[in-house]
């Protein structure tokens, strides 16, 4: 297994680490003083480190000509696991609307389903992510990083700062939903010829 693929697997392994720290506290704890900003800070650091491997594995795979079919499947899978888990915790905090999460999941199921059908076709076609998909992933990751780092900092500052971070995060989540929907529609449209001929 080459280095880019190892980085992809590392990103997957960091998902449960992120979950542990995100589970140790929550936004509801601000009211009774039980919220622990340090746990969100660590969760943010873990998420940021995992997100960096997304950039690094793709960069190295292209630079060293190590692009593989495994990487084309595992890389977006790792991204989906990482970001979806984070948005679930943001939904728990009341920052991410269930509608936003449903849009994200619908897009991912549709795209993943198409990839599975393409891979199982007679010619074994591998459909890689398009530019809109990459923009969607970057925006999702930046929004999540902003929320966890923002809450870790704002909770130690003031109630107004906390409200501002929460408000900005809500707006970012809806922006993510819009870009995610566009990327999904664009992906299906670009591959409509395959969809029309699939049996």
Protein backbone atom coordinates (compact mmCIF):
# COMPACT_ATOMS: atom_id res chain seq x y z
CA UNK A 1 0.00 0.00 0.00
CA UNK A 2 1.45 3.37 -1.01
CA UNK A 3 1.78 6.44 1.25
CA UNK A 4 -1.27 8.36 -0.09
CA UNK A 5 -3.50 5.36 0.64
CA UNK A 6 -1.99 5.03 4.12
CA UNK A 7 -2.85 8.68 4.75
CA UNK A 8 -6.41 7.99 3.65
CA UNK A 9 -6.67 5.09 6.10
CA UNK A 10 -5.21 7.33 8.82
CA UNK A 11 -8.05 9.79 8.18
CA UNK A 12 -10.57 7.00 8.68
CA UNK A 13 -8.88 5.92 11.93
CA UNK A 14 -9.01 9.50 13.25
CA UNK A 15 -12.82 9.52 12.98
CA UNK A 16 -13.40 7.58 16.25
CA UNK A 17 -10.75 9.72 17.98
CA UNK A 18 -12.67 12.84 16.95
CA UNK A 19 -15.92 11.22 18.14
CA UNK A 20 -14.51 10.53 21.59
CA UNK A 21 -13.62 14.16 22.30
CA UNK A 22 -16.75 15.57 20.64
CA UNK A 23 -18.82 13.24 22.84
CA UNK A 24 -17.23 14.38 26.11
CA UNK A 25 -19.03 17.72 26.11
CA UNK A 26 -21.77 19.57 24.24
CA UNK A 27 -23.31 22.96 23.64
CA UNK A 28 -26.16 22.19 26.04
CA UNK A 29 -23.59 22.28 28.84
CA UNK A 30 -23.10 26.03 28.44
CA UNK A 31 -26.35 26.73 30.33
CA UNK A 32 -25.32 24.82 33.44
CA UNK A 33 -21.59 25.48 33.18
CA UNK A 34 -20.63 21.90 32.32
CA UNK A 35 -19.36 22.69 28.81
CA UNK A 36 -15.65 21.87 28.50
CA UNK A 37 -14.03 23.98 25.74
CA UNK A 38 -10.81 21.96 25.88
CA UNK A 39 -12.58 18.87 24.51
CA UNK A 40 -13.90 20.84 21.54
CA UNK A 41 -10.46 22.30 20.99
CA UNK A 42 -8.92 18.81 20.87
CA UNK A 43 -11.76 17.58 18.64
CA UNK A 44 -11.08 20.53 16.33
CA UNK A 45 -7.35 19.77 16.23
CA UNK A 46 -8.02 16.10 15.43
CA UNK A 47 -10.49 17.07 12.72
CA UNK A 48 -8.10 19.64 11.24
CA UNK A 49 -5.27 17.08 11.19
CA UNK A 50 -7.53 14.54 9.49
CA UNK A 51 -8.65 17.16 6.97
CA UNK A 52 -5.03 17.99 6.15
CA UNK A 53 -4.41 14.36 5.21
CA UNK A 54 -7.17 14.80 2.59
CA UNK A 55 -5.12 17.51 0.89
CA UNK A 56 -1.84 15.68 1.41
CA UNK A 57 -2.83 12.26 0.08
CA UNK A 58 -4.31 13.73 -3.09
CA UNK A 59 -1.30 15.98 -3.65
CA UNK A 60 1.20 13.15 -3.18
CA UNK A 61 -0.82 10.72 -5.30
CA UNK A 62 -0.79 13.13 -8.24
CA UNK A 63 2.79 14.27 -7.72
CA UNK A 64 4.22 10.76 -7.46
CA UNK A 65 1.78 9.27 -9.98
CA UNK A 66 0.32 6.97 -7.32
CA UNK A 67 -3.36 7.42 -8.16
CA UNK A 68 -5.07 4.05 -7.63
CA UNK A 69 -8.62 2.71 -7.91
CA UNK A 70 -8.52 2.04 -4.16
CA UNK A 71 -7.65 5.67 -3.55
CA UNK A 72 -10.46 6.90 -5.79
CA UNK A 73 -12.95 4.95 -3.65
CA UNK A 74 -11.35 5.21 -0.19
CA UNK A 75 -10.53 8.93 -0.33
CA UNK A 76 -14.12 10.17 -0.76
CA UNK A 77 -15.31 7.48 1.68
CA UNK A 78 -12.93 8.81 4.34
CA UNK A 79 -14.16 12.35 3.68
CA UNK A 80 -17.79 11.29 3.99
CA UNK A 81 -17.18 9.47 7.29
CA UNK A 82 -15.25 12.37 8.78
CA UNK A 83 -17.59 15.18 7.79
CA UNK A 84 -20.89 13.33 8.34
CA UNK A 85 -19.89 12.34 11.89
CA UNK A 86 -18.95 15.95 12.65
CA UNK A 87 -22.25 17.29 11.29
CA UNK A 88 -24.14 14.76 13.43
CA UNK A 89 -22.49 16.25 16.53
CA UNK A 90 -23.28 19.75 15.28
CA UNK A 91 -26.91 18.66 14.83
CA UNK A 92 -26.85 17.39 18.42
CA UNK A 93 -25.77 20.89 19.45
CA UNK A 94 -28.66 22.42 17.49
CA UNK A 95 -26.30 24.15 15.06
CA UNK A 96 -26.84 21.91 12.04
CA UNK A 97 -30.45 21.50 10.92
CA UNK A 98 -31.68 17.94 10.28
CA UNK A 99 -32.62 19.20 6.79
CA UNK A 100 -28.98 20.06 6.14
CA UNK A 101 -27.84 16.63 7.26
CA UNK A 102 -30.51 14.96 5.10
CA UNK A 103 -29.30 16.88 2.05
CA UNK A 104 -25.72 15.84 2.78
CA UNK A 105 -26.67 12.18 3.26
CA UNK A 106 -28.94 12.12 0.18
CA UNK A 107 -26.12 13.47 -1.96
CA UNK A 108 -23.60 11.00 -0.60
CA UNK A 109 -25.92 8.00 -1.01
CA UNK A 110 -26.76 9.00 -4.58
CA UNK A 111 -23.13 9.55 -5.59
CA UNK A 112 -21.87 6.45 -3.79
CA UNK A 113 -24.63 4.37 -5.33
CA UNK A 114 -23.70 5.56 -8.81
CA UNK A 115 -20.06 4.75 -8.17
CA UNK A 116 -20.94 1.25 -7.01
CA UNK A 117 -23.05 0.61 -10.11
CA UNK A 118 -20.27 1.95 -12.32
CA UNK A 119 -17.66 -0.22 -10.61
CA UNK A 120 -19.83 -3.29 -11.06
CA UNK A 121 -20.43 -2.61 -14.74
CA UNK A 122 -18.91 -4.80 -17.42
CA UNK A 123 -16.03 -2.39 -18.07
CA UNK A 124 -15.55 -1.64 -14.35
CA UNK A 125 -15.73 2.13 -14.71
CA UNK A 126 -14.32 4.22 -11.85
CA UNK A 127 -15.99 7.63 -11.48
CA UNK A 128 -13.73 10.08 -9.67
CA UNK A 129 -14.89 13.19 -7.80
CA UNK A 130 -15.44 16.37 -9.79
CA UNK A 131 -14.41 19.92 -8.90
CA UNK A 132 -17.77 20.75 -7.29
CA UNK A 133 -17.36 17.70 -5.07
CA UNK A 134 -13.98 18.95 -3.95
CA UNK A 135 -15.35 22.45 -3.27
CA UNK A 136 -18.16 20.85 -1.25
CA UNK A 137 -15.68 18.84 0.83
CA UNK A 138 -13.43 21.84 1.52
CA UNK A 139 -16.40 24.01 2.56
CA UNK A 140 -17.72 21.27 4.83
CA UNK A 141 -14.34 20.83 6.50
CA UNK A 142 -13.77 24.57 6.97
CA UNK A 143 -17.26 24.99 8.45
CA UNK A 144 -16.67 22.17 10.94
CA UNK A 145 -13.22 23.47 11.90
CA UNK A 146 -14.67 26.96 12.40
CA UNK A 147 -17.39 25.61 14.69
CA UNK A 148 -15.25 23.48 16.98
CA UNK A 149 -12.37 25.95 17.25
CA UNK A 150 -14.80 28.87 17.44
CA UNK A 151 -16.78 27.33 20.29
CA UNK A 152 -13.61 26.38 22.16
CA UNK A 153 -12.48 30.01 22.04
CA UNK A 154 -15.84 31.83 22.34
CA UNK A 155 -16.98 29.84 25.38
CA UNK A 156 -14.04 31.28 27.31
CA UNK A 157 -14.72 34.85 26.11
CA UNK A 158 -18.35 35.85 26.49
CA UNK A 159 -21.94 34.86 25.83
CA UNK A 160 -22.08 37.31 22.90
CA UNK A 161 -19.06 35.67 21.30
CA UNK A 162 -20.67 32.26 21.71
CA UNK A 163 -23.89 33.47 20.07
CA UNK A 164 -21.91 34.92 17.17
CA UNK A 165 -20.05 31.65 16.55
CA UNK A 166 -23.27 29.64 16.73
CA UNK A 167 -25.04 32.05 14.37
CA UNK A 168 -22.19 32.01 11.87
CA UNK A 169 -22.04 28.21 12.05
CA UNK A 170 -25.76 27.91 11.31
CA UNK A 171 -25.33 30.09 8.21
CA UNK A 172 -22.31 28.03 7.11
CA UNK A 173 -24.30 24.81 7.49
CA UNK A 174 -27.00 26.09 5.15
CA UNK A 175 -24.33 27.24 2.70
CA UNK A 176 -22.85 23.76 2.87
CA UNK A 177 -26.28 22.30 2.13
CA UNK A 178 -26.63 24.48 -0.98
CA UNK A 179 -23.18 23.64 -2.33
CA UNK A 180 -23.66 19.95 -1.49
CA UNK A 181 -26.95 19.85 -3.42
CA UNK A 182 -25.38 21.61 -6.40
CA UNK A 183 -22.39 19.25 -6.41
CA UNK A 184 -24.68 16.21 -6.29
CA UNK A 185 -26.88 17.44 -9.14
CA UNK A 186 -23.80 18.34 -11.19
CA UNK A 187 -22.26 14.91 -10.55
CA UNK A 188 -25.39 13.07 -11.68
CA UNK A 189 -25.78 15.36 -14.69
CA UNK A 190 -22.19 14.86 -15.82
CA UNK A 191 -22.69 11.09 -15.66
CA UNK A 192 -26.19 11.05 -17.16
CA UNK A 193 -24.98 9.12 -20.22
CA UNK A 194 -23.84 6.26 -17.97
CA UNK A 195 -27.09 6.40 -15.98
CA UNK A 196 -29.17 6.25 -19.17
CA UNK A 197 -27.27 3.22 -20.49
CA UNK A 198 -26.97 1.35 -17.16
CA UNK A 199 -28.86 -1.94 -16.94
